[in-house]
Amino acid sequence: MDVKTHWNSTLELLESAYHLREFSREWLQNPKYAEYRPLFTTQDEWTIVKYVMEVLGPFQYWTHWMSKRHTVTLHRVITVYNDMFNHMDGVMRALAKKKTPWMEDLFFTVKLAQEKLSKYYTEVTPTTGMLLMSAHILDPFRKLRLFRKWGKGMDINPEDETSYNTQYQEAVLK
């Protein structure tokens, strides 16, 4: 998560191996390479690889999406954080009751990734938070819709003067 190539390189390596798995099996059928057959990945291991690829997919999507932009992307930070938190929450819910050792390991790994992402997210100061939110609000495609949606989802009265919706709307209008 610190370096875009870290997660993406891992995912690209797994994708390449997964797509070449049948060629690898054929290669190992050659008697010349028989000594390497015990190293070949089992079907269960390919299942794990496929699942890990699905877990890492959004990391790759967002890093590629951000790196392809030739414009300001600050207003997308909140969207990226929310998408990543939602993705990791979904993965952890799916794995929470699984007792297979590799699934328990993956649950623990995703939990650590979520903690790391939370650390970055909680280090947002009021000043930088206001900058991120202002950039998000000023995005012509979003304006205040996202904050209204959040408020509605948390059953916050939009007329409540203490709600963040009202506070940010007033700050933007000033």
N, C-alpha and C. Protein backbone atom coordinates (compact mmCIF):
# COMPACT_ATOMS: atom_id res chain seq x y z
N MET A 1 0.82 -1.18 0.00
CA MET A 1 0.00 0.00 0.00
C MET A 1 0.87 1.26 0.00
N ASP A 2 2.08 1.17 0.53
CA ASP A 2 2.95 2.33 0.55
C ASP A 2 3.50 2.66 -0.83
N VAL A 3 3.76 1.63 -1.61
CA VAL A 3 4.32 1.81 -2.94
C VAL A 3 3.41 1.08 -3.91
N LYS A 4 2.94 1.80 -4.93
CA LYS A 4 1.95 1.19 -5.81
C LYS A 4 2.43 -0.11 -6.46
N THR A 5 3.72 -0.23 -6.69
CA THR A 5 4.21 -1.42 -7.36
C THR A 5 4.25 -2.64 -6.46
N HIS A 6 4.27 -2.44 -5.14
CA HIS A 6 4.34 -3.58 -4.23
C HIS A 6 3.14 -4.51 -4.42
N TRP A 7 1.93 -3.98 -4.23
CA TRP A 7 0.73 -4.80 -4.37
C TRP A 7 0.53 -5.21 -5.83
N ASN A 8 0.75 -4.29 -6.73
CA ASN A 8 0.53 -4.59 -8.14
C ASN A 8 1.50 -5.63 -8.66
N SER A 9 2.75 -5.56 -8.24
CA SER A 9 3.72 -6.55 -8.69
C SER A 9 3.35 -7.94 -8.19
N THR A 10 2.89 -8.01 -6.96
CA THR A 10 2.46 -9.30 -6.40
C THR A 10 1.29 -9.84 -7.21
N LEU A 11 0.31 -8.98 -7.47
CA LEU A 11 -0.86 -9.41 -8.22
C LEU A 11 -0.48 -9.81 -9.64
N GLU A 12 0.36 -9.04 -10.30
CA GLU A 12 0.77 -9.37 -11.67
C GLU A 12 1.53 -10.69 -11.72
N LEU A 13 2.36 -10.93 -10.73
CA LEU A 13 3.09 -12.20 -10.65
C LEU A 13 2.11 -13.36 -10.51
N LEU A 14 1.14 -13.22 -9.61
CA LEU A 14 0.14 -14.28 -9.41
C LEU A 14 -0.70 -14.49 -10.66
N GLU A 15 -1.09 -13.39 -11.32
CA GLU A 15 -1.89 -13.51 -12.54
C GLU A 15 -1.12 -14.23 -13.64
N SER A 16 0.14 -13.89 -13.79
CA SER A 16 0.97 -14.56 -14.81
C SER A 16 1.09 -16.05 -14.51
N ALA A 17 1.38 -16.37 -13.28
CA ALA A 17 1.52 -17.79 -12.89
C ALA A 17 0.20 -18.52 -13.12
N TYR A 18 -0.91 -17.88 -12.76
CA TYR A 18 -2.21 -18.52 -12.90
C TYR A 18 -2.53 -18.78 -14.38
N HIS A 19 -2.24 -17.81 -15.23
CA HIS A 19 -2.53 -17.98 -16.66
C HIS A 19 -1.59 -18.99 -17.32
N LEU A 20 -0.42 -19.19 -16.75
CA LEU A 20 0.55 -20.12 -17.33
C LEU A 20 0.53 -21.50 -16.66
N ARG A 21 -0.42 -21.73 -15.77
CA ARG A 21 -0.40 -22.98 -14.99
C ARG A 21 -0.48 -24.23 -15.86
N GLU A 22 -1.27 -24.21 -16.92
CA GLU A 22 -1.37 -25.40 -17.77
C GLU A 22 -0.08 -25.63 -18.57
N PHE A 23 0.56 -24.55 -18.99
CA PHE A 23 1.83 -24.68 -19.70
C PHE A 23 2.90 -25.23 -18.75
N SER A 24 2.85 -24.79 -17.51
CA SER A 24 3.80 -25.30 -16.51
C SER A 24 3.60 -26.79 -16.28
N ARG A 25 2.33 -27.20 -16.22
CA ARG A 25 2.03 -28.63 -16.03
C ARG A 25 2.58 -29.44 -17.22
N GLU A 26 2.35 -28.93 -18.44
CA GLU A 26 2.86 -29.62 -19.63
C GLU A 26 4.39 -29.71 -19.58
N TRP A 27 5.02 -28.61 -19.21
CA TRP A 27 6.47 -28.56 -19.13
C TRP A 27 6.98 -29.63 -18.16
N LEU A 28 6.29 -29.77 -17.05
CA LEU A 28 6.72 -30.74 -16.04
C LEU A 28 6.45 -32.19 -16.46
N GLN A 29 5.62 -32.38 -17.46
CA GLN A 29 5.37 -33.74 -17.95
C GLN A 29 6.57 -34.28 -18.73
N ASN A 30 7.42 -33.38 -19.19
CA ASN A 30 8.63 -33.78 -19.91
C ASN A 30 9.54 -34.53 -18.92
N PRO A 31 9.94 -35.76 -19.26
CA PRO A 31 10.80 -36.55 -18.36
C PRO A 31 12.09 -35.82 -17.97
N LYS A 32 12.52 -34.91 -18.82
CA LYS A 32 13.73 -34.15 -18.56
C LYS A 32 13.60 -33.30 -17.28
N TYR A 33 12.36 -32.91 -16.93
CA TYR A 33 12.13 -32.05 -15.77
C TYR A 33 11.38 -32.76 -14.64
N ALA A 34 11.42 -34.07 -14.64
CA ALA A 34 10.68 -34.86 -13.65
C ALA A 34 11.06 -34.52 -12.21
N GLU A 35 12.29 -34.14 -11.99
CA GLU A 35 12.72 -33.82 -10.63
C GLU A 35 11.99 -32.60 -10.05
N TYR A 36 11.39 -31.76 -10.93
CA TYR A 36 10.70 -30.55 -10.47
C TYR A 36 9.20 -30.77 -10.24
N ARG A 37 8.68 -31.93 -10.60
CA ARG A 37 7.24 -32.19 -10.46
C ARG A 37 6.71 -31.97 -9.05
N PRO A 38 7.44 -32.31 -8.01
CA PRO A 38 6.90 -32.07 -6.65
C PRO A 38 6.70 -30.57 -6.35
N LEU A 39 7.33 -29.71 -7.13
CA LEU A 39 7.20 -28.28 -6.91
C LEU A 39 5.93 -27.70 -7.55
N PHE A 40 5.30 -28.48 -8.42
CA PHE A 40 4.14 -27.94 -9.13
C PHE A 40 3.00 -27.65 -8.15
N THR A 41 2.33 -26.57 -8.40
CA THR A 41 1.24 -26.10 -7.54
C THR A 41 0.03 -27.02 -7.67
N THR A 42 -0.56 -27.37 -6.54
CA THR A 42 -1.74 -28.23 -6.53
C THR A 42 -2.99 -27.42 -6.88
N GLN A 43 -4.09 -28.11 -7.14
CA GLN A 43 -5.34 -27.42 -7.44
C GLN A 43 -5.80 -26.59 -6.24
N ASP A 44 -5.61 -27.09 -5.03
CA ASP A 44 -5.96 -26.32 -3.83
C ASP A 44 -5.14 -25.04 -3.75
N GLU A 45 -3.87 -25.14 -4.09
CA GLU A 45 -3.01 -23.95 -4.06
C GLU A 45 -3.43 -22.94 -5.13
N TRP A 46 -3.88 -23.45 -6.30
CA TRP A 46 -4.38 -22.52 -7.35
C TRP A 46 -5.66 -21.83 -6.88
N THR A 47 -6.46 -22.52 -6.09
CA THR A 47 -7.68 -21.91 -5.54
C THR A 47 -7.30 -20.75 -4.62
N ILE A 48 -6.27 -20.95 -3.83
CA ILE A 48 -5.78 -19.89 -2.93
C ILE A 48 -5.26 -18.71 -3.76
N VAL A 49 -4.49 -19.02 -4.79
CA VAL A 49 -3.95 -17.96 -5.65
C VAL A 49 -5.09 -17.15 -6.26
N LYS A 50 -6.10 -17.83 -6.75
CA LYS A 50 -7.26 -17.14 -7.36
C LYS A 50 -7.94 -16.23 -6.34
N TYR A 51 -8.11 -16.70 -5.13
CA TYR A 51 -8.76 -15.91 -4.09
C TYR A 51 -7.92 -14.69 -3.72
N VAL A 52 -6.60 -14.88 -3.60
CA VAL A 52 -5.71 -13.76 -3.28
C VAL A 52 -5.75 -12.72 -4.41
N MET A 53 -5.83 -13.18 -5.66
CA MET A 53 -5.94 -12.25 -6.79
C MET A 53 -7.21 -11.40 -6.66
N GLU A 54 -8.29 -12.02 -6.25
CA GLU A 54 -9.54 -11.27 -6.06
C GLU A 54 -9.42 -10.26 -4.93
N VAL A 55 -8.70 -10.63 -3.88
CA VAL A 55 -8.52 -9.71 -2.75
C VAL A 55 -7.67 -8.51 -3.18
N LEU A 56 -6.64 -8.74 -3.97
CA LEU A 56 -5.74 -7.66 -4.38
C LEU A 56 -6.26 -6.82 -5.54
N GLY A 57 -7.27 -7.30 -6.24
CA GLY A 57 -7.78 -6.60 -7.42
C GLY A 57 -8.08 -5.12 -7.22
N PRO A 58 -8.84 -4.73 -6.20
CA PRO A 58 -9.13 -3.31 -6.02
C PRO A 58 -7.89 -2.45 -5.75
N PHE A 59 -6.87 -3.01 -5.10
CA PHE A 59 -5.64 -2.25 -4.89
C PHE A 59 -5.05 -1.88 -6.25
N GLN A 60 -5.02 -2.85 -7.14
CA GLN A 60 -4.48 -2.61 -8.48
C GLN A 60 -5.36 -1.63 -9.24
N TYR A 61 -6.66 -1.82 -9.16
CA TYR A 61 -7.58 -0.93 -9.88
C TYR A 61 -7.33 0.53 -9.50
N TRP A 62 -7.32 0.80 -8.19
CA TRP A 62 -7.20 2.20 -7.76
C TRP A 62 -5.82 2.78 -8.04
N THR A 63 -4.77 2.01 -7.88
CA THR A 63 -3.44 2.57 -8.17
C THR A 63 -3.30 2.85 -9.67
N HIS A 64 -3.81 1.96 -10.51
CA HIS A 64 -3.76 2.22 -11.95
C HIS A 64 -4.66 3.39 -12.32
N TRP A 65 -5.84 3.44 -11.73
CA TRP A 65 -6.77 4.52 -12.03
C TRP A 65 -6.14 5.87 -11.69
N MET A 66 -5.55 5.97 -10.48
CA MET A 66 -4.94 7.23 -10.05
C MET A 66 -3.72 7.58 -10.92
N SER A 67 -2.91 6.60 -11.23
CA SER A 67 -1.68 6.90 -11.98
C SER A 67 -1.96 7.27 -13.43
N LYS A 68 -3.11 6.89 -13.97
CA LYS A 68 -3.45 7.23 -15.36
C LYS A 68 -4.01 8.65 -15.50
N ARG A 69 -4.40 9.24 -14.41
CA ARG A 69 -5.00 10.57 -14.46
C ARG A 69 -3.92 11.63 -14.63
N HIS A 70 -4.20 12.58 -15.48
CA HIS A 70 -3.28 13.69 -15.68
C HIS A 70 -3.88 14.97 -15.11
N THR A 71 -4.78 14.78 -14.17
CA THR A 71 -5.43 15.91 -13.52
C THR A 71 -5.39 15.68 -12.01
N VAL A 72 -5.93 16.61 -11.28
CA VAL A 72 -5.99 16.51 -9.83
C VAL A 72 -6.90 15.35 -9.45
N THR A 73 -6.47 14.53 -8.50
CA THR A 73 -7.27 13.39 -8.04
C THR A 73 -7.60 13.47 -6.56
N LEU A 74 -7.24 14.57 -5.93
CA LEU A 74 -7.45 14.72 -4.50
C LEU A 74 -8.91 14.49 -4.10
N HIS A 75 -9.82 14.95 -4.95
CA HIS A 75 -11.24 14.80 -4.62
C HIS A 75 -11.71 13.35 -4.65
N ARG A 76 -10.89 12.44 -5.11
CA ARG A 76 -11.26 11.02 -5.17
C ARG A 76 -10.76 10.22 -3.96
N VAL A 77 -9.96 10.84 -3.11
CA VAL A 77 -9.36 10.12 -1.99
C VAL A 77 -10.42 9.48 -1.10
N ILE A 78 -11.46 10.21 -0.77
CA ILE A 78 -12.50 9.66 0.09
C ILE A 78 -13.18 8.46 -0.58
N THR A 79 -13.44 8.57 -1.86
CA THR A 79 -14.04 7.46 -2.61
C THR A 79 -13.14 6.24 -2.58
N VAL A 80 -11.85 6.45 -2.78
CA VAL A 80 -10.89 5.34 -2.77
C VAL A 80 -10.86 4.68 -1.39
N TYR A 81 -10.75 5.49 -0.34
CA TYR A 81 -10.74 4.93 1.02
C TYR A 81 -12.02 4.12 1.28
N ASN A 82 -13.16 4.71 0.95
CA ASN A 82 -14.42 4.00 1.20
C ASN A 82 -14.51 2.70 0.42
N ASP A 83 -14.09 2.72 -0.83
CA ASP A 83 -14.14 1.50 -1.63
C ASP A 83 -13.22 0.44 -1.04
N MET A 84 -12.04 0.83 -0.63
CA MET A 84 -11.10 -0.14 -0.07
C MET A 84 -11.61 -0.69 1.27
N PHE A 85 -12.14 0.19 2.14
CA PHE A 85 -12.69 -0.30 3.40
C PHE A 85 -13.86 -1.24 3.15
N ASN A 86 -14.74 -0.89 2.23
CA ASN A 86 -15.88 -1.76 1.91
C ASN A 86 -15.41 -3.11 1.37
N HIS A 87 -14.42 -3.07 0.50
CA HIS A 87 -13.88 -4.32 -0.07
C HIS A 87 -13.29 -5.20 1.03
N MET A 88 -12.47 -4.61 1.88
CA MET A 88 -11.85 -5.41 2.95
C MET A 88 -12.88 -5.90 3.95
N ASP A 89 -13.89 -5.09 4.25
CA ASP A 89 -14.97 -5.54 5.14
C ASP A 89 -15.67 -6.77 4.54
N GLY A 90 -15.95 -6.71 3.24
CA GLY A 90 -16.61 -7.83 2.57
C GLY A 90 -15.76 -9.10 2.60
N VAL A 91 -14.47 -8.95 2.34
CA VAL A 91 -13.56 -10.11 2.37
C VAL A 91 -13.52 -10.69 3.78
N MET A 92 -13.42 -9.81 4.77
CA MET A 92 -13.34 -10.30 6.15
C MET A 92 -14.64 -10.97 6.59
N ARG A 93 -15.78 -10.45 6.15
CA ARG A 93 -17.06 -11.11 6.47
C ARG A 93 -17.11 -12.49 5.83
N ALA A 94 -16.64 -12.59 4.60
CA ALA A 94 -16.66 -13.88 3.90
C ALA A 94 -15.73 -14.89 4.55
N LEU A 95 -14.64 -14.41 5.13
CA LEU A 95 -13.64 -15.31 5.72
C LEU A 95 -13.80 -15.52 7.22
N ALA A 96 -14.64 -14.73 7.87
CA ALA A 96 -14.71 -14.71 9.34
C ALA A 96 -14.96 -16.07 9.97
N LYS A 97 -15.80 -16.87 9.38
CA LYS A 97 -16.16 -18.15 10.01
C LYS A 97 -15.46 -19.34 9.36
N LYS A 98 -14.55 -19.06 8.45
CA LYS A 98 -13.84 -20.14 7.77
C LYS A 98 -12.74 -20.66 8.69
N LYS A 99 -12.57 -21.96 8.69
CA LYS A 99 -11.59 -22.59 9.58
C LYS A 99 -10.41 -23.20 8.82
N THR A 100 -10.41 -23.07 7.51
CA THR A 100 -9.27 -23.56 6.74
C THR A 100 -8.07 -22.69 7.07
N PRO A 101 -6.92 -23.27 7.36
CA PRO A 101 -5.76 -22.47 7.77
C PRO A 101 -5.43 -21.31 6.81
N TRP A 102 -5.46 -21.58 5.49
CA TRP A 102 -5.10 -20.50 4.56
C TRP A 102 -6.13 -19.38 4.59
N MET A 103 -7.40 -19.71 4.83
CA MET A 103 -8.43 -18.67 4.93
C MET A 103 -8.26 -17.86 6.21
N GLU A 104 -7.89 -18.54 7.29
CA GLU A 104 -7.62 -17.83 8.54
C GLU A 104 -6.42 -16.90 8.35
N ASP A 105 -5.39 -17.37 7.65
CA ASP A 105 -4.21 -16.53 7.37
C ASP A 105 -4.58 -15.33 6.52
N LEU A 106 -5.40 -15.56 5.51
CA LEU A 106 -5.83 -14.47 4.63
C LEU A 106 -6.68 -13.46 5.40
N PHE A 107 -7.55 -13.95 6.27
CA PHE A 107 -8.36 -13.05 7.12
C PHE A 107 -7.43 -12.16 7.94
N PHE A 108 -6.43 -12.77 8.57
CA PHE A 108 -5.48 -12.02 9.40
C PHE A 108 -4.73 -10.98 8.55
N THR A 109 -4.33 -11.36 7.34
CA THR A 109 -3.60 -10.46 6.45
C THR A 109 -4.47 -9.28 6.04
N VAL A 110 -5.71 -9.55 5.68
CA VAL A 110 -6.62 -8.46 5.29
C VAL A 110 -6.90 -7.55 6.48
N LYS A 111 -7.01 -8.16 7.65
CA LYS A 111 -7.23 -7.36 8.87
C LYS A 111 -6.05 -6.41 9.09
N LEU A 112 -4.83 -6.90 8.90
CA LEU A 112 -3.65 -6.05 9.04
C LEU A 112 -3.62 -4.95 7.98
N ALA A 113 -4.00 -5.30 6.76
CA ALA A 113 -4.05 -4.29 5.69
C ALA A 113 -5.09 -3.22 6.03
N GLN A 114 -6.21 -3.65 6.58
CA GLN A 114 -7.25 -2.70 6.97
C GLN A 114 -6.75 -1.79 8.10
N GLU A 115 -6.03 -2.35 9.05
CA GLU A 115 -5.46 -1.55 10.14
C GLU A 115 -4.47 -0.52 9.59
N LYS A 116 -3.68 -0.93 8.62
CA LYS A 116 -2.71 -0.01 8.02
C LYS A 116 -3.45 1.11 7.28
N LEU A 117 -4.46 0.77 6.52
CA LEU A 117 -5.25 1.77 5.81
C LEU A 117 -5.94 2.70 6.81
N SER A 118 -6.43 2.14 7.91
CA SER A 118 -7.08 2.94 8.95
C SER A 118 -6.08 3.91 9.57
N LYS A 119 -4.84 3.46 9.73
CA LYS A 119 -3.80 4.33 10.30
C LYS A 119 -3.62 5.55 9.41
N TYR A 120 -3.53 5.34 8.10
CA TYR A 120 -3.39 6.48 7.18
C TYR A 120 -4.62 7.38 7.26
N TYR A 121 -5.77 6.74 7.29
CA TYR A 121 -7.03 7.49 7.29
C TYR A 121 -7.17 8.32 8.56
N THR A 122 -6.79 7.75 9.71
CA THR A 122 -6.94 8.47 10.97
C THR A 122 -5.87 9.54 11.16
N GLU A 123 -4.81 9.49 10.37
CA GLU A 123 -3.79 10.53 10.46
C GLU A 123 -4.18 11.80 9.70
N VAL A 124 -5.35 11.77 9.10
CA VAL A 124 -5.85 12.97 8.44
C VAL A 124 -6.21 13.97 9.53
N THR A 125 -5.57 15.11 9.49
CA THR A 125 -5.82 16.15 10.49
C THR A 125 -7.08 16.93 10.11
N PRO A 126 -7.61 17.73 11.02
CA PRO A 126 -8.77 18.56 10.65
C PRO A 126 -8.49 19.42 9.42
N THR A 127 -7.27 19.94 9.33
CA THR A 127 -6.94 20.79 8.18
C THR A 127 -6.90 19.97 6.89
N THR A 128 -6.15 18.86 6.91
CA THR A 128 -6.08 18.05 5.69
C THR A 128 -7.41 17.38 5.42
N GLY A 129 -8.14 17.03 6.48
CA GLY A 129 -9.47 16.45 6.30
C GLY A 129 -10.39 17.43 5.60
N MET A 130 -10.34 18.68 6.02
CA MET A 130 -11.17 19.70 5.38
C MET A 130 -10.75 19.88 3.93
N LEU A 131 -9.45 19.81 3.66
CA LEU A 131 -8.96 19.92 2.29
C LEU A 131 -9.50 18.76 1.45
N LEU A 132 -9.40 17.53 1.98
CA LEU A 132 -9.90 16.37 1.25
C LEU A 132 -11.40 16.48 1.01
N MET A 133 -12.11 16.85 2.06
CA MET A 133 -13.56 16.94 1.93
C MET A 133 -13.96 18.09 1.01
N SER A 134 -13.25 19.18 1.10
CA SER A 134 -13.55 20.30 0.20
C SER A 134 -13.30 19.91 -1.25
N ALA A 135 -12.17 19.23 -1.48
CA ALA A 135 -11.88 18.77 -2.84
C ALA A 135 -12.96 17.82 -3.32
N HIS A 136 -13.41 16.95 -2.43
CA HIS A 136 -14.46 16.00 -2.78
C HIS A 136 -15.77 16.73 -3.05
N ILE A 137 -16.11 17.67 -2.19
CA ILE A 137 -17.35 18.42 -2.35
C ILE A 137 -17.33 19.25 -3.63
N LEU A 138 -16.20 19.83 -3.94
CA LEU A 138 -16.11 20.70 -5.11
C LEU A 138 -16.02 19.93 -6.42
N ASP A 139 -15.86 18.64 -6.32
CA ASP A 139 -15.90 17.82 -7.52
C ASP A 139 -17.26 18.03 -8.18
N PRO A 140 -17.30 18.51 -9.40
CA PRO A 140 -18.58 18.86 -10.02
C PRO A 140 -19.54 17.68 -10.16
N PHE A 141 -19.05 16.48 -10.10
CA PHE A 141 -19.92 15.32 -10.23
C PHE A 141 -20.51 14.86 -8.91
N ARG A 142 -19.96 15.35 -7.83
CA ARG A 142 -20.41 14.85 -6.53
C ARG A 142 -21.08 15.91 -5.67
N LYS A 143 -20.47 17.08 -5.62
CA LYS A 143 -20.93 18.17 -4.74
C LYS A 143 -21.20 17.61 -3.34
N LEU A 144 -22.32 17.90 -2.78
CA LEU A 144 -22.62 17.44 -1.42
C LEU A 144 -23.43 16.14 -1.38
N ARG A 145 -23.66 15.53 -2.54
CA ARG A 145 -24.49 14.32 -2.58
C ARG A 145 -23.96 13.21 -1.69
N LEU A 146 -22.65 13.02 -1.69
CA LEU A 146 -22.09 11.92 -0.91
C LEU A 146 -22.34 12.12 0.58
N PHE A 147 -22.15 13.35 1.06
CA PHE A 147 -22.37 13.61 2.48
C PHE A 147 -23.84 13.44 2.85
N ARG A 148 -24.74 13.83 1.97
CA ARG A 148 -26.17 13.64 2.24
C ARG A 148 -26.49 12.14 2.30
N LYS A 149 -25.88 11.40 1.40
CA LYS A 149 -26.10 9.94 1.38
C LYS A 149 -25.60 9.32 2.67
N TRP A 150 -24.40 9.72 3.13
CA TRP A 150 -23.87 9.19 4.38
C TRP A 150 -24.78 9.54 5.53
N GLY A 151 -25.21 10.82 5.57
CA GLY A 151 -26.08 11.26 6.65
C GLY A 151 -27.38 10.48 6.68
N LYS A 152 -27.94 10.24 5.50
CA LYS A 152 -29.19 9.49 5.40
C LYS A 152 -28.96 8.05 5.88
N GLY A 153 -27.84 7.46 5.47
CA GLY A 153 -27.52 6.09 5.86
C GLY A 153 -27.31 5.93 7.35
N MET A 154 -26.87 7.00 8.01
CA MET A 154 -26.65 6.96 9.46
C MET A 154 -27.82 7.58 10.20
N ASP A 155 -28.90 7.82 9.48
CA ASP A 155 -30.13 8.37 10.07
C ASP A 155 -29.88 9.72 10.75
N ILE A 156 -29.10 10.57 10.08
CA ILE A 156 -28.82 11.91 10.60
C ILE A 156 -29.79 12.89 9.96
N ASN A 157 -30.40 13.69 10.77
CA ASN A 157 -31.35 14.68 10.29
C ASN A 157 -30.58 15.78 9.55
N PRO A 158 -30.88 16.00 8.26
CA PRO A 158 -30.15 17.01 7.51
C PRO A 158 -30.38 18.43 8.03
N GLU A 159 -31.42 18.62 8.84
CA GLU A 159 -31.70 19.94 9.41
C GLU A 159 -30.90 20.17 10.70
N ASP A 160 -30.28 19.13 11.23
CA ASP A 160 -29.53 19.23 12.48
C ASP A 160 -28.30 20.11 12.25
N GLU A 161 -28.20 21.20 12.97
CA GLU A 161 -27.10 22.15 12.77
C GLU A 161 -25.75 21.59 13.22
N THR A 162 -25.76 20.54 14.04
CA THR A 162 -24.49 19.95 14.50
C THR A 162 -24.00 18.84 13.57
N SER A 163 -24.82 18.47 12.60
CA SER A 163 -24.39 17.38 11.70
C SER A 163 -23.27 17.88 10.80
N TYR A 164 -22.38 16.97 10.43
CA TYR A 164 -21.28 17.35 9.55
C TYR A 164 -21.81 17.80 8.19
N ASN A 165 -22.94 17.24 7.76
CA ASN A 165 -23.53 17.69 6.49
C ASN A 165 -23.77 19.19 6.51
N THR A 166 -24.45 19.63 7.55
CA THR A 166 -24.79 21.05 7.67
C THR A 166 -23.52 21.88 7.82
N GLN A 167 -22.59 21.41 8.66
CA GLN A 167 -21.36 22.17 8.87
C GLN A 167 -20.55 22.31 7.60
N TYR A 168 -20.39 21.23 6.84
CA TYR A 168 -19.60 21.32 5.63
C TYR A 168 -20.33 22.10 4.54
N GLN A 169 -21.63 21.98 4.49
CA GLN A 169 -22.39 22.75 3.51
C GLN A 169 -22.23 24.24 3.80
N GLU A 170 -22.32 24.62 5.06
CA GLU A 170 -22.15 26.02 5.43
C GLU A 170 -20.72 26.49 5.12
N ALA A 171 -19.71 25.64 5.42
CA ALA A 171 -18.32 26.01 5.17
C ALA A 171 -18.08 26.23 3.68
N VAL A 172 -18.65 25.36 2.86
CA VAL A 172 -18.46 25.48 1.41
C VAL A 172 -19.16 26.74 0.89
N LEU A 173 -20.36 26.99 1.37
CA LEU A 173 -21.10 28.15 0.90
C LEU A 173 -20.45 29.47 1.31
N LYS A 174 -19.77 29.46 2.47
CA LYS A 174 -19.07 30.68 2.91
C LYS A 174 -17.86 30.90 2.02
